[in-house]
Protein backbone atom coordinates (compact mmCIF):
# COMPACT_ATOMS: atom_id res chain seq x y z
CA MET A 1 -5.92 38.63 -36.22
CA ALA A 2 -5.85 36.24 -33.26
CA ASP A 3 -8.67 34.28 -34.85
CA ARG A 4 -6.81 34.01 -38.14
CA LEU A 5 -3.64 32.74 -36.48
CA ARG A 6 -5.51 30.10 -34.48
CA ARG A 7 -7.29 28.89 -37.60
CA LYS A 8 -4.05 28.63 -39.55
CA ASN A 9 -2.33 26.75 -36.72
CA ALA A 10 -5.28 24.38 -36.43
CA HIS A 11 -5.45 23.82 -40.17
CA HIS A 12 -1.73 22.98 -40.29
CA ARG A 13 -1.84 20.43 -37.47
CA VAL A 14 -5.20 18.81 -38.18
CA ASN A 15 -4.56 18.28 -41.87
CA SER A 16 -1.58 16.15 -40.84
CA GLN A 17 -4.00 13.71 -39.24
CA VAL A 18 -3.93 11.56 -42.37
CA PHE A 19 -0.64 10.13 -41.12
CA ASP A 20 -2.21 8.81 -37.92
CA PRO A 21 -2.21 5.01 -38.30
CA HIS A 22 -4.77 4.54 -35.54
CA GLY A 23 -7.18 7.31 -36.49
CA MET A 24 -9.48 9.19 -34.14
CA VAL A 25 -12.55 9.70 -36.28
CA GLN A 26 -15.71 7.73 -35.68
CA GLU A 27 -17.44 8.60 -38.93
CA PRO A 28 -16.62 6.70 -42.15
CA PRO A 29 -13.62 8.36 -43.86
CA ARG A 30 -13.56 9.65 -47.40
CA ARG A 31 -10.75 9.64 -49.92
CA THR A 32 -8.85 12.87 -50.25
CA GLY A 33 -8.68 12.72 -54.03
CA PHE A 34 -5.26 14.40 -53.71
CA SER A 35 -6.94 17.59 -52.54
CA GLY A 36 -5.12 17.73 -49.22
CA PRO A 37 -1.91 19.55 -48.27
CA PRO A 38 1.07 19.29 -50.69
CA LEU A 39 3.01 17.03 -48.31
CA VAL A 40 0.13 14.55 -48.13
CA ARG A 41 -0.40 14.56 -51.90
CA LEU A 42 3.30 13.97 -52.53
CA LEU A 43 3.49 11.04 -50.12
CA ALA A 44 0.33 9.54 -51.61
CA ARG A 45 1.84 9.61 -55.09
CA LEU A 46 5.24 8.27 -54.08
CA THR A 47 3.93 5.41 -51.94
CA ASP A 48 0.86 4.66 -54.06
CA THR A 49 -1.21 4.94 -50.91
CA THR A 50 -4.81 6.01 -50.54
CA PHE A 51 -5.07 8.63 -47.79
CA TYR A 52 -8.37 9.48 -46.17
CA GLU A 53 -9.67 12.58 -44.50
CA PRO A 54 -12.42 12.62 -41.85
CA ARG A 55 -15.80 14.19 -42.44
CA GLN A 56 -15.55 16.30 -39.31
CA ASP A 57 -14.63 19.96 -39.59
CA VAL A 58 -11.40 21.42 -38.19
CA PRO A 59 -12.75 22.58 -34.78
CA ASN A 60 -14.25 19.17 -34.04
CA ARG A 61 -11.07 17.35 -35.01
CA LEU A 62 -8.96 19.78 -33.02
CA SER A 63 -11.11 19.25 -29.93
CA GLN A 64 -10.15 15.55 -29.99
CA TRP A 65 -6.48 16.47 -29.77
CA LEU A 66 -6.77 18.85 -26.81
CA GLY A 67 -7.06 17.63 -23.24
CA TRP A 68 -8.64 19.54 -20.37
CA ALA A 69 -5.26 20.97 -19.34
CA ASP A 70 -4.69 22.28 -22.86
CA ALA A 71 -8.15 23.84 -22.89
CA ILE A 72 -7.45 25.62 -19.60
CA ALA A 73 -4.13 26.95 -20.90
CA LEU A 74 -5.73 28.25 -24.09
CA SER A 75 -8.60 29.83 -22.18
CA SER A 76 -6.15 31.61 -19.87
CA ALA A 77 -4.17 32.84 -22.85
CA LEU A 78 -7.28 34.23 -24.51
CA LYS A 79 -8.49 35.96 -21.37
CA GLY A 80 -5.12 37.30 -20.29
CA ASN A 81 -3.92 40.84 -20.84
CA PRO A 82 -0.12 40.74 -21.03
CA SER A 83 1.86 43.94 -21.42
CA SER A 84 3.94 44.63 -24.47
CA VAL A 85 7.72 44.61 -24.05
CA PRO A 86 10.01 46.75 -26.25
CA SER A 87 12.09 44.56 -28.56
CA GLY A 88 14.89 47.01 -29.45
CA LEU A 89 15.67 49.55 -32.13
CA GLN A 90 14.98 47.37 -35.18
CA PRO A 91 11.30 47.24 -36.32
CA PRO A 92 9.79 43.91 -35.19
CA ALA A 93 8.49 42.97 -38.65
CA GLU A 94 11.87 43.59 -40.26
CA ALA A 95 13.73 41.69 -37.55
CA GLY A 96 11.30 38.78 -37.85
CA LYS A 97 11.70 38.53 -41.62
CA ILE A 98 15.50 38.57 -41.37
CA GLU A 99 15.44 35.80 -38.77
CA TYR A 100 12.95 33.75 -40.80
CA ASP A 101 15.05 34.02 -43.97
CA ARG A 102 18.18 33.01 -42.08
CA VAL A 103 16.63 29.92 -40.51
CA ARG A 104 14.91 28.81 -43.70
CA ALA A 105 18.08 29.20 -45.76
CA ALA A 106 20.06 27.15 -43.21
CA LEU A 107 17.50 24.34 -43.23
CA GLU A 108 17.29 24.28 -47.02
CA LEU A 109 21.07 24.03 -47.18
CA ALA A 110 20.98 21.16 -44.69
CA ILE A 111 18.52 19.33 -46.95
CA THR A 112 20.51 19.80 -50.14
CA GLY A 113 24.08 20.19 -48.93
CA ASN A 114 24.98 16.78 -47.54
CA GLU A 115 24.39 14.56 -50.56
CA ARG A 116 27.56 13.00 -51.93
CA PRO A 117 27.53 11.37 -55.39
CA ALA A 118 28.31 7.68 -55.54
CA THR A 119 31.91 6.84 -56.34
CA ALA A 120 32.79 4.78 -59.42
CA GLN A 121 33.49 1.79 -57.15
CA GLN A 122 30.09 2.12 -55.44
CA GLU A 123 28.34 2.36 -58.82
CA ALA A 124 30.13 -0.76 -60.03
CA ARG A 125 29.05 -2.64 -56.91
CA LEU A 126 25.45 -1.51 -57.39
CA ARG A 127 25.40 -2.58 -61.01
CA ALA A 128 26.91 -5.98 -60.21
CA ALA A 129 24.46 -6.51 -57.34
CA ALA A 130 21.48 -5.48 -59.46
CA ARG A 131 22.38 -8.12 -62.05
CA ARG A 132 22.26 -10.76 -59.30
CA GLY A 133 18.82 -9.56 -58.18
CA PRO A 134 17.16 -7.54 -55.37
CA THR A 135 18.61 -9.75 -52.63
CA ALA A 136 22.16 -9.00 -53.70
CA SER A 137 21.33 -5.32 -54.07
CA ALA A 138 20.18 -5.26 -50.45
CA ALA A 139 23.70 -6.15 -49.36
CA VAL A 140 25.04 -3.04 -51.11
CA VAL A 141 22.56 -0.45 -49.97
CA ASP A 142 19.63 -0.47 -47.59
CA TYR A 143 17.19 2.09 -46.26
CA ALA A 144 18.64 2.42 -42.76
CA SER A 145 21.13 5.16 -43.62
CA TYR A 146 18.46 7.20 -45.40
CA ARG A 147 16.08 6.82 -42.47
CA ARG A 148 18.76 8.10 -40.12
CA ARG A 149 19.47 11.07 -42.36
CA TYR A 150 15.78 11.90 -42.62
CA VAL A 151 15.27 11.72 -38.85
CA LEU A 152 18.32 13.91 -38.21
CA LEU A 153 16.98 16.54 -40.61
CA GLN A 154 13.58 16.36 -38.91
CA GLN A 155 15.25 16.99 -35.56
CA SER A 156 17.12 19.95 -37.03
CA MET A 157 13.87 21.39 -38.40
CA GLU A 158 12.06 20.88 -35.12
CA SER A 159 14.76 22.56 -33.03
CA SER A 160 15.46 25.49 -35.38
CA ILE A 161 11.80 26.26 -36.05
CA ALA A 162 10.86 26.08 -32.36
CA THR A 163 13.58 28.63 -31.56
CA LEU A 164 12.49 30.84 -34.45
CA ARG A 165 8.86 30.65 -33.38
CA GLY A 166 9.77 31.72 -29.86
CA ARG A 167 11.78 34.64 -31.19
CA LEU A 168 8.87 35.79 -33.38
CA ARG A 169 6.51 35.60 -30.41
CA THR A 170 8.87 37.86 -28.47
CA LEU A 171 8.84 40.35 -31.34
CA LEU A 172 5.08 40.14 -31.61
CA ALA A 173 4.69 40.80 -27.90
CA SER A 174 6.61 44.04 -28.32
CA ILE A 175 4.01 45.59 -30.60
CA SER A 176 0.98 45.96 -28.31
CA PRO A 177 -0.87 44.22 -25.45
CA GLN A 178 -3.25 42.69 -28.02
CA ALA A 179 -0.35 41.31 -30.04
CA ALA A 180 1.23 40.04 -26.83
CA ARG A 181 -1.95 38.08 -26.11
CA LEU A 182 -1.74 36.56 -29.58
CA ALA A 183 1.83 35.47 -28.85
CA VAL A 184 0.67 33.77 -25.64
CA VAL A 185 -2.08 31.94 -27.55
CA ASP A 186 0.44 30.70 -30.12
CA ALA A 187 2.72 29.42 -27.34
CA ALA A 188 -0.20 27.55 -25.77
CA MET A 189 -1.15 26.02 -29.13
CA GLU A 190 2.43 24.90 -29.77
CA GLN A 191 2.67 23.23 -26.38
CA ALA A 192 -0.73 21.54 -26.74
CA LEU A 193 -0.08 20.08 -30.18
CA SER A 194 3.66 19.42 -30.19
CA GLU A 195 3.43 15.80 -29.05
CA ARG A 196 0.80 14.93 -31.64
CA GLU A 197 2.84 16.68 -34.33
CA LEU A 198 5.94 14.70 -33.36
CA VAL A 199 4.09 11.40 -33.76
CA LEU A 200 2.63 12.31 -37.14
CA PHE A 201 5.87 13.55 -38.67
CA ALA A 202 7.64 10.42 -37.41
CA ASP A 203 5.52 8.37 -39.82
CA ILE A 204 6.99 10.06 -42.89
CA PRO A 205 10.34 8.19 -43.03
CA LYS A 206 8.40 4.96 -42.53
CA SER A 207 6.22 5.81 -45.52
CA LEU A 208 9.27 6.58 -47.67
CA GLU A 209 10.68 3.11 -47.04
CA ALA A 210 7.97 1.56 -49.23
CA HIS A 211 8.98 3.88 -52.08
CA PHE A 212 12.65 2.95 -51.57
CA GLU A 213 11.89 -0.76 -51.70
CA ARG A 214 9.72 -0.45 -54.81
CA LEU A 215 12.49 1.37 -56.69
CA ARG A 216 15.17 -1.05 -55.50
CA GLU A 217 13.20 -4.13 -56.48
CA GLY A 218 12.67 -2.67 -59.93
CA ALA A 219 16.36 -1.90 -60.48
CA GLY A 220 17.47 -2.97 -63.93
CA GLN A 221 13.86 -3.16 -65.15
CA THR A 222 11.57 -0.62 -66.75
CA ILE A 223 9.40 0.87 -64.04
CA PRO A 224 6.11 2.47 -65.13
CA ALA A 225 6.10 6.22 -64.66
CA THR A 226 4.24 7.57 -61.65
CA ALA A 227 3.15 11.09 -60.84
CA GLY A 228 5.53 11.20 -57.89
CA SER A 229 8.70 9.80 -59.41
CA SER A 230 11.40 11.93 -60.96
CA SER A 231 12.07 9.41 -63.75
CA PRO A 232 9.95 6.93 -65.73
CA SER A 233 12.55 4.20 -65.21
CA ALA A 234 15.38 3.37 -62.85
CA GLY A 235 18.33 1.17 -63.69
CA PRO A 236 20.98 -0.43 -61.48
CA THR A 237 22.20 2.93 -60.14
CA GLU A 238 19.59 5.35 -61.42
CA TRP A 239 16.96 4.07 -58.99
CA LEU A 240 18.98 5.39 -56.05
CA VAL A 241 19.30 8.80 -57.71
CA VAL A 242 15.54 8.83 -58.21
CA PHE A 243 14.95 7.98 -54.56
CA LYS A 244 17.32 10.68 -53.29
CA GLN A 245 15.54 13.28 -55.43
CA ASP A 246 12.14 12.15 -54.19
CA MET A 247 13.26 12.12 -50.56
CA GLN A 248 14.56 15.65 -50.99
CA ARG A 249 11.20 16.76 -52.38
CA VAL A 250 9.43 15.27 -49.36
CA LEU A 251 11.84 17.04 -47.00
CA PHE A 252 11.13 20.39 -48.65
CA ALA A 253 7.38 19.74 -48.45
CA GLU A 254 7.72 18.90 -44.75
CA LEU A 255 9.74 22.06 -44.18
CA ASP A 256 6.98 24.13 -45.82
CA THR A 257 4.40 22.44 -43.58
CA ARG A 258 6.38 22.99 -40.39
CA LEU A 259 6.88 26.68 -41.25
CA GLN A 260 3.19 27.48 -41.65
CA PRO A 261 2.63 28.61 -38.03
CA VAL A 262 5.81 30.71 -38.26
CA GLU A 263 4.53 32.37 -41.43
CA ALA A 264 1.29 33.18 -39.61
CA LEU A 265 3.31 34.95 -36.91
CA LEU A 266 5.21 36.85 -39.61
CA ALA A 267 1.91 37.96 -41.14
CA ALA A 268 0.78 39.19 -37.73
CA LEU A 269 4.05 41.09 -37.30
CA HIS A 270 3.65 42.80 -40.66
CA GLU A 271 0.07 43.71 -39.95
CA GLY A 272 1.23 45.30 -36.72
CA LYS A 273 -2.15 45.40 -35.03
CA THR A 274 -4.89 43.09 -33.79
């Protein structure tokens, strides 16, 4: 079980490497062919960007992300023999699932619940600006507010999921000494990879800006359909609706990606043994 959790954690983090603008791989890259994680495929379609994946396997890529201090921490976690601690009357697996459902529902509501439709006055301004061209449209709406909203939602995901992950580790540690060791390994992995993860996810709102600009510049024109867009065309106001829908899809894909290590802990809780 410990092996499975480590592999899933590593797969989640290392697959995100496609967002790294500097790259770490020495070998020539190869095109993903949209065979990577859903979040990567979605961003590739929306931004019309070619993403590459390295030829190295997951362990080799992961080794480039871990420093000597991280390696020591992981080694200590693997060799340790922590004692299990009772978690209370409720079965750990049941308590973990309830907590997971609560946190996920709250984050999904945060993604979908704060969108306000444009007023008639705002729509009129957008239509008038679009007739004058992209420069005039820029005075009505720009990407800054959407970037801020995206970053705030990322921060909410990061904080809520980190708390949830810690709670699930506590529940896992209550099952047995072996499960407690697995919880320690997960904590070490989270600490070792959190900084890299933060940098990679920070590139997503930057990538979305290109999609925003493409839709805005095409306002009032017929835009060819793309696999990532919600509509084959976007008019003076419709383009903004299209963008909001696409941004929401990216947020949900990012949420799914961030929850993968948590889901691995849930699987370990349900298995109940190592």
